[in-house]
Amino acid sequence: MKELIEGDGCMREVLYRAMDGRMDRRGCERGEAVCQRCELAGIEAGVEGVEAEVEGVEADVEGVEAEVEGVEADVEGVEAEEQGEEMGRGEREEWTEETTRRWEEESKRAGRSSGI
C-alpha cells in the first residue's frame, strides 16, 4: 500500500505485482486506461516533444522567409533590368530615385535602416 501511495512509478505495476504476483509489467499497457502517474509522465514527455517540434518549425519558417526575401530581391532586380532596358538614361535615374525613396519609406515603416 505504501508503495502505491508514495511511489512515483506506474500505479498498475504496484497493484498487479501485489495482487497477481506479476513482476514483468512496465507501466500501463495498451488498451488500458492510463493511471495518473503514467499519464503525467506521458504528458511531460509529450510537451517536451511538441516544444522541440515547434522550435524546428520556427527555424524552418525563418529559412523559408529568408528564401522568399531573396526571391523577391531577385524579382525586383529582374524587373529593374527590364524597365532599365525600356527606359532612357534620364528615365532610369528618375525611376531609381523613386524606387529608392519608396524602399526607404517602407523600411522606415518596418523599422529597418536603409543603409543608403
N, C-alpha and C. Protein backbone atom coordinates (compact mmCIF):
# COMPACT_ATOMS: atom_id res chain seq x y z
N MET A 1 0.82 -1.19 0.00
CA MET A 1 0.00 0.00 0.00
C MET A 1 0.87 1.26 0.00
N LYS A 2 1.91 1.22 0.81
CA LYS A 2 2.78 2.39 0.93
C LYS A 2 3.40 2.74 -0.43
N GLU A 3 3.85 1.72 -1.17
CA GLU A 3 4.45 1.97 -2.48
C GLU A 3 3.42 2.56 -3.45
N LEU A 4 2.19 2.11 -3.36
CA LEU A 4 1.13 2.63 -4.22
C LEU A 4 0.88 4.10 -3.95
N ILE A 5 0.89 4.48 -2.67
CA ILE A 5 0.58 5.86 -2.29
C ILE A 5 1.79 6.78 -2.46
N GLU A 6 2.95 6.34 -2.03
CA GLU A 6 4.13 7.21 -2.01
C GLU A 6 5.05 7.03 -3.21
N GLY A 7 4.88 5.98 -3.97
CA GLY A 7 5.78 5.71 -5.09
C GLY A 7 5.62 6.71 -6.21
N ASP A 8 6.55 6.65 -7.16
CA ASP A 8 6.46 7.57 -8.28
C ASP A 8 6.36 6.84 -9.62
N GLY A 9 6.29 5.52 -9.59
CA GLY A 9 6.15 4.74 -10.82
C GLY A 9 4.69 4.44 -11.12
N CYS A 10 4.48 3.56 -12.07
CA CYS A 10 3.15 3.18 -12.51
C CYS A 10 2.35 2.54 -11.38
N MET A 11 1.16 3.03 -11.18
CA MET A 11 0.29 2.51 -10.12
C MET A 11 -0.18 1.09 -10.45
N ARG A 12 -0.39 0.79 -11.73
CA ARG A 12 -0.83 -0.56 -12.13
C ARG A 12 0.27 -1.59 -11.88
N GLU A 13 1.53 -1.20 -12.06
CA GLU A 13 2.64 -2.11 -11.77
C GLU A 13 2.56 -2.59 -10.33
N VAL A 14 2.37 -1.65 -9.43
CA VAL A 14 2.32 -1.96 -8.00
C VAL A 14 1.13 -2.87 -7.71
N LEU A 15 -0.04 -2.54 -8.25
CA LEU A 15 -1.24 -3.35 -8.00
C LEU A 15 -1.11 -4.76 -8.56
N TYR A 16 -0.63 -4.89 -9.81
CA TYR A 16 -0.50 -6.22 -10.41
C TYR A 16 0.54 -7.06 -9.69
N ARG A 17 1.60 -6.44 -9.24
CA ARG A 17 2.63 -7.18 -8.51
C ARG A 17 2.06 -7.70 -7.20
N ALA A 18 1.31 -6.86 -6.47
CA ALA A 18 0.76 -7.24 -5.18
C ALA A 18 -0.37 -8.25 -5.33
N MET A 19 -1.24 -8.09 -6.32
CA MET A 19 -2.42 -8.94 -6.44
C MET A 19 -2.18 -10.21 -7.24
N ASP A 20 -1.40 -10.13 -8.32
CA ASP A 20 -1.21 -11.27 -9.21
C ASP A 20 0.20 -11.84 -9.19
N GLY A 21 1.11 -11.16 -8.49
CA GLY A 21 2.50 -11.61 -8.48
C GLY A 21 3.19 -11.36 -9.81
N ARG A 22 2.62 -10.54 -10.63
CA ARG A 22 3.19 -10.26 -11.96
C ARG A 22 4.33 -9.27 -11.81
N MET A 23 5.54 -9.72 -12.13
CA MET A 23 6.73 -8.90 -11.95
C MET A 23 7.25 -8.31 -13.26
N ASP A 24 6.68 -8.72 -14.39
CA ASP A 24 7.19 -8.28 -15.69
C ASP A 24 6.52 -7.03 -16.23
N ARG A 25 5.61 -6.49 -15.51
CA ARG A 25 4.85 -5.33 -16.00
C ARG A 25 5.70 -4.06 -15.93
N ARG A 26 5.64 -3.24 -16.99
CA ARG A 26 6.37 -1.97 -17.05
C ARG A 26 5.41 -0.89 -17.54
N GLY A 27 4.71 -0.27 -16.64
CA GLY A 27 3.78 0.80 -17.00
C GLY A 27 2.43 0.28 -17.44
N CYS A 28 1.54 1.21 -17.71
CA CYS A 28 0.21 0.87 -18.20
C CYS A 28 0.35 0.28 -19.60
N GLU A 29 -0.50 -0.71 -19.88
CA GLU A 29 -0.40 -1.38 -21.17
C GLU A 29 -1.44 -0.86 -22.14
N ARG A 30 -1.18 -1.11 -23.40
CA ARG A 30 -2.08 -0.67 -24.48
C ARG A 30 -3.48 -1.23 -24.23
N GLY A 31 -4.48 -0.38 -24.44
CA GLY A 31 -5.87 -0.79 -24.27
C GLY A 31 -6.41 -0.54 -22.88
N GLU A 32 -5.55 -0.20 -21.93
CA GLU A 32 -5.98 0.10 -20.56
C GLU A 32 -6.12 1.61 -20.39
N ALA A 33 -6.95 1.98 -19.42
CA ALA A 33 -6.96 3.39 -19.02
C ALA A 33 -5.62 3.67 -18.36
N VAL A 34 -5.02 4.77 -18.68
CA VAL A 34 -3.70 5.10 -18.17
C VAL A 34 -3.83 5.64 -16.74
N CYS A 35 -2.97 5.17 -15.84
CA CYS A 35 -3.00 5.66 -14.46
C CYS A 35 -2.50 7.11 -14.42
N GLN A 36 -2.75 7.78 -13.33
CA GLN A 36 -2.38 9.20 -13.20
C GLN A 36 -0.89 9.43 -13.39
N ARG A 37 -0.08 8.56 -12.84
CA ARG A 37 1.37 8.76 -12.92
C ARG A 37 1.89 8.55 -14.34
N CYS A 38 1.40 7.53 -15.03
CA CYS A 38 1.83 7.31 -16.42
C CYS A 38 1.30 8.43 -17.32
N GLU A 39 0.08 8.88 -17.03
CA GLU A 39 -0.48 9.98 -17.81
C GLU A 39 0.37 11.23 -17.64
N LEU A 40 0.75 11.54 -16.41
CA LEU A 40 1.58 12.71 -16.15
C LEU A 40 2.94 12.58 -16.83
N ALA A 41 3.53 11.39 -16.73
CA ALA A 41 4.84 11.17 -17.38
C ALA A 41 4.71 11.31 -18.89
N GLY A 42 3.62 10.81 -19.47
CA GLY A 42 3.40 10.92 -20.90
C GLY A 42 3.15 12.35 -21.33
N ILE A 43 2.41 13.09 -20.53
CA ILE A 43 2.14 14.48 -20.85
C ILE A 43 3.43 15.28 -20.83
N GLU A 44 4.25 15.07 -19.81
CA GLU A 44 5.52 15.79 -19.72
C GLU A 44 6.42 15.48 -20.91
N ALA A 45 6.48 14.19 -21.28
CA ALA A 45 7.30 13.80 -22.42
C ALA A 45 6.71 14.37 -23.71
N GLY A 46 5.39 14.36 -23.80
CA GLY A 46 4.72 14.90 -24.98
C GLY A 46 4.96 16.39 -25.13
N VAL A 47 4.91 17.11 -24.03
CA VAL A 47 5.13 18.56 -24.06
C VAL A 47 6.54 18.85 -24.54
N GLU A 48 7.51 18.12 -24.04
CA GLU A 48 8.89 18.33 -24.47
C GLU A 48 9.04 18.04 -25.96
N GLY A 49 8.38 16.99 -26.43
CA GLY A 49 8.45 16.66 -27.85
C GLY A 49 7.80 17.73 -28.71
N VAL A 50 6.67 18.23 -28.26
CA VAL A 50 5.97 19.28 -29.01
C VAL A 50 6.81 20.55 -29.03
N GLU A 51 7.42 20.89 -27.91
CA GLU A 51 8.26 22.09 -27.86
C GLU A 51 9.42 21.97 -28.85
N ALA A 52 10.02 20.80 -28.92
CA ALA A 52 11.12 20.59 -29.87
C ALA A 52 10.62 20.71 -31.31
N GLU A 53 9.43 20.17 -31.59
CA GLU A 53 8.86 20.28 -32.93
C GLU A 53 8.59 21.74 -33.29
N VAL A 54 8.06 22.49 -32.34
CA VAL A 54 7.76 23.91 -32.57
C VAL A 54 9.04 24.66 -32.91
N GLU A 55 10.11 24.40 -32.17
CA GLU A 55 11.39 25.06 -32.45
C GLU A 55 11.87 24.73 -33.86
N GLY A 56 11.71 23.48 -34.26
CA GLY A 56 12.11 23.08 -35.60
C GLY A 56 11.29 23.77 -36.67
N VAL A 57 9.99 23.86 -36.44
CA VAL A 57 9.11 24.53 -37.40
C VAL A 57 9.45 26.02 -37.48
N GLU A 58 9.71 26.65 -36.34
CA GLU A 58 10.07 28.06 -36.34
C GLU A 58 11.35 28.29 -37.14
N ALA A 59 12.32 27.40 -36.99
CA ALA A 59 13.57 27.53 -37.75
C ALA A 59 13.29 27.35 -39.24
N ASP A 60 12.40 26.41 -39.57
CA ASP A 60 12.04 26.21 -40.98
C ASP A 60 11.37 27.45 -41.54
N VAL A 61 10.48 28.05 -40.77
CA VAL A 61 9.77 29.26 -41.21
C VAL A 61 10.76 30.39 -41.46
N GLU A 62 11.72 30.55 -40.56
CA GLU A 62 12.72 31.60 -40.74
C GLU A 62 13.53 31.36 -42.02
N GLY A 63 13.86 30.11 -42.28
CA GLY A 63 14.59 29.78 -43.50
C GLY A 63 13.78 30.08 -44.75
N VAL A 64 12.50 29.73 -44.71
CA VAL A 64 11.63 29.99 -45.86
C VAL A 64 11.46 31.50 -46.05
N GLU A 65 11.29 32.24 -44.96
CA GLU A 65 11.16 33.69 -45.08
C GLU A 65 12.40 34.30 -45.72
N ALA A 66 13.58 33.82 -45.33
CA ALA A 66 14.82 34.32 -45.92
C ALA A 66 14.87 33.99 -47.42
N GLU A 67 14.43 32.78 -47.77
CA GLU A 67 14.40 32.41 -49.19
C GLU A 67 13.44 33.31 -49.97
N VAL A 68 12.27 33.57 -49.39
CA VAL A 68 11.29 34.43 -50.05
C VAL A 68 11.86 35.82 -50.26
N GLU A 69 12.52 36.36 -49.25
CA GLU A 69 13.14 37.68 -49.39
C GLU A 69 14.17 37.68 -50.52
N GLY A 70 14.94 36.61 -50.60
CA GLY A 70 15.93 36.51 -51.68
C GLY A 70 15.28 36.45 -53.05
N VAL A 71 14.21 35.68 -53.15
CA VAL A 71 13.49 35.58 -54.43
C VAL A 71 12.87 36.92 -54.79
N GLU A 72 12.27 37.59 -53.80
CA GLU A 72 11.68 38.90 -54.07
C GLU A 72 12.74 39.89 -54.55
N ALA A 73 13.92 39.84 -53.94
CA ALA A 73 15.01 40.72 -54.37
C ALA A 73 15.43 40.39 -55.80
N ASP A 74 15.47 39.10 -56.12
CA ASP A 74 15.82 38.69 -57.49
C ASP A 74 14.78 39.21 -58.48
N VAL A 75 13.51 39.08 -58.12
CA VAL A 75 12.43 39.54 -59.00
C VAL A 75 12.54 41.04 -59.20
N GLU A 76 12.77 41.77 -58.13
CA GLU A 76 12.91 43.22 -58.24
C GLU A 76 14.09 43.58 -59.14
N GLY A 77 15.16 42.83 -59.02
CA GLY A 77 16.32 43.08 -59.87
C GLY A 77 16.02 42.83 -61.33
N VAL A 78 15.32 41.74 -61.61
CA VAL A 78 14.95 41.44 -62.99
C VAL A 78 14.01 42.50 -63.53
N GLU A 79 13.02 42.89 -62.73
CA GLU A 79 12.09 43.92 -63.15
C GLU A 79 12.82 45.24 -63.41
N ALA A 80 13.78 45.55 -62.55
CA ALA A 80 14.55 46.78 -62.73
C ALA A 80 15.35 46.72 -64.03
N GLU A 81 15.94 45.57 -64.30
CA GLU A 81 16.69 45.41 -65.54
C GLU A 81 15.78 45.57 -66.76
N GLU A 82 14.59 44.94 -66.67
CA GLU A 82 13.66 45.03 -67.79
C GLU A 82 13.21 46.47 -68.00
N GLN A 83 12.90 47.15 -66.91
CA GLN A 83 12.48 48.55 -67.04
C GLN A 83 13.63 49.41 -67.51
N GLY A 84 14.83 49.11 -67.04
CA GLY A 84 16.01 49.86 -67.45
C GLY A 84 16.27 49.74 -68.93
N GLU A 85 16.03 48.57 -69.49
CA GLU A 85 16.23 48.37 -70.93
C GLU A 85 15.22 49.17 -71.74
N GLU A 86 14.04 49.37 -71.16
CA GLU A 86 12.98 50.08 -71.87
C GLU A 86 13.09 51.59 -71.72
N MET A 87 13.86 52.06 -70.76
CA MET A 87 13.94 53.49 -70.46
C MET A 87 15.24 54.09 -70.98
N GLY A 88 15.19 55.37 -71.18
CA GLY A 88 16.40 56.10 -71.47
C GLY A 88 17.13 56.40 -70.17
N ARG A 89 18.30 57.02 -70.26
CA ARG A 89 19.10 57.30 -69.07
C ARG A 89 18.36 58.17 -68.05
N GLY A 90 17.75 59.26 -68.48
CA GLY A 90 17.03 60.15 -67.57
C GLY A 90 15.88 59.44 -66.89
N GLU A 91 15.15 58.64 -67.64
CA GLU A 91 14.04 57.89 -67.07
C GLU A 91 14.54 56.87 -66.04
N ARG A 92 15.68 56.22 -66.32
CA ARG A 92 16.25 55.25 -65.38
C ARG A 92 16.62 55.92 -64.07
N GLU A 93 17.25 57.09 -64.18
CA GLU A 93 17.65 57.80 -62.96
C GLU A 93 16.42 58.21 -62.15
N GLU A 94 15.40 58.68 -62.83
CA GLU A 94 14.16 59.07 -62.15
C GLU A 94 13.51 57.85 -61.49
N TRP A 95 13.46 56.75 -62.24
CA TRP A 95 12.87 55.52 -61.71
C TRP A 95 13.67 55.02 -60.50
N THR A 96 15.00 55.07 -60.59
CA THR A 96 15.87 54.62 -59.50
C THR A 96 15.64 55.46 -58.25
N GLU A 97 15.56 56.77 -58.43
CA GLU A 97 15.32 57.65 -57.28
C GLU A 97 13.96 57.37 -56.66
N GLU A 98 12.94 57.19 -57.47
CA GLU A 98 11.59 56.90 -56.96
C GLU A 98 11.57 55.56 -56.24
N THR A 99 12.20 54.57 -56.81
CA THR A 99 12.25 53.24 -56.19
C THR A 99 12.99 53.30 -54.86
N THR A 100 14.10 54.01 -54.82
CA THR A 100 14.87 54.17 -53.58
C THR A 100 14.05 54.87 -52.53
N ARG A 101 13.35 55.93 -52.92
CA ARG A 101 12.51 56.67 -51.98
C ARG A 101 11.42 55.77 -51.39
N ARG A 102 10.74 54.99 -52.27
CA ARG A 102 9.69 54.08 -51.78
C ARG A 102 10.27 53.02 -50.85
N TRP A 103 11.43 52.48 -51.20
CA TRP A 103 12.05 51.45 -50.37
C TRP A 103 12.40 52.02 -49.00
N GLU A 104 12.95 53.25 -48.99
CA GLU A 104 13.30 53.88 -47.72
C GLU A 104 12.06 54.11 -46.86
N GLU A 105 10.95 54.53 -47.46
CA GLU A 105 9.71 54.74 -46.71
C GLU A 105 9.21 53.43 -46.13
N GLU A 106 9.23 52.38 -46.94
CA GLU A 106 8.80 51.06 -46.46
C GLU A 106 9.72 50.56 -45.35
N SER A 107 11.00 50.81 -45.49
CA SER A 107 11.96 50.39 -44.47
C SER A 107 11.71 51.11 -43.15
N LYS A 108 11.43 52.41 -43.23
CA LYS A 108 11.14 53.18 -42.01
C LYS A 108 9.90 52.64 -41.33
N ARG A 109 8.86 52.33 -42.13
CA ARG A 109 7.63 51.78 -41.54
C ARG A 109 7.89 50.42 -40.91
N ALA A 110 8.78 49.65 -41.50
CA ALA A 110 9.09 48.33 -40.96
C ALA A 110 10.15 48.37 -39.88
N GLY A 111 10.73 49.55 -39.64
CA GLY A 111 11.75 49.69 -38.60
C GLY A 111 13.14 49.28 -39.02
N ARG A 112 13.38 49.24 -40.32
CA ARG A 112 14.71 48.88 -40.83
C ARG A 112 15.45 50.15 -41.20
N SER A 113 16.76 50.09 -41.12
CA SER A 113 17.59 51.20 -41.59
C SER A 113 17.92 50.97 -43.05
N SER A 114 17.85 52.02 -43.86
CA SER A 114 18.07 51.84 -45.29
C SER A 114 19.53 51.55 -45.61
N GLY A 115 20.46 52.10 -44.85
CA GLY A 115 21.87 51.87 -45.11
C GLY A 115 22.36 52.56 -46.35
N ILE A 116 21.55 53.42 -46.91
CA ILE A 116 21.95 54.13 -48.16
C ILE A 116 22.34 55.54 -47.81
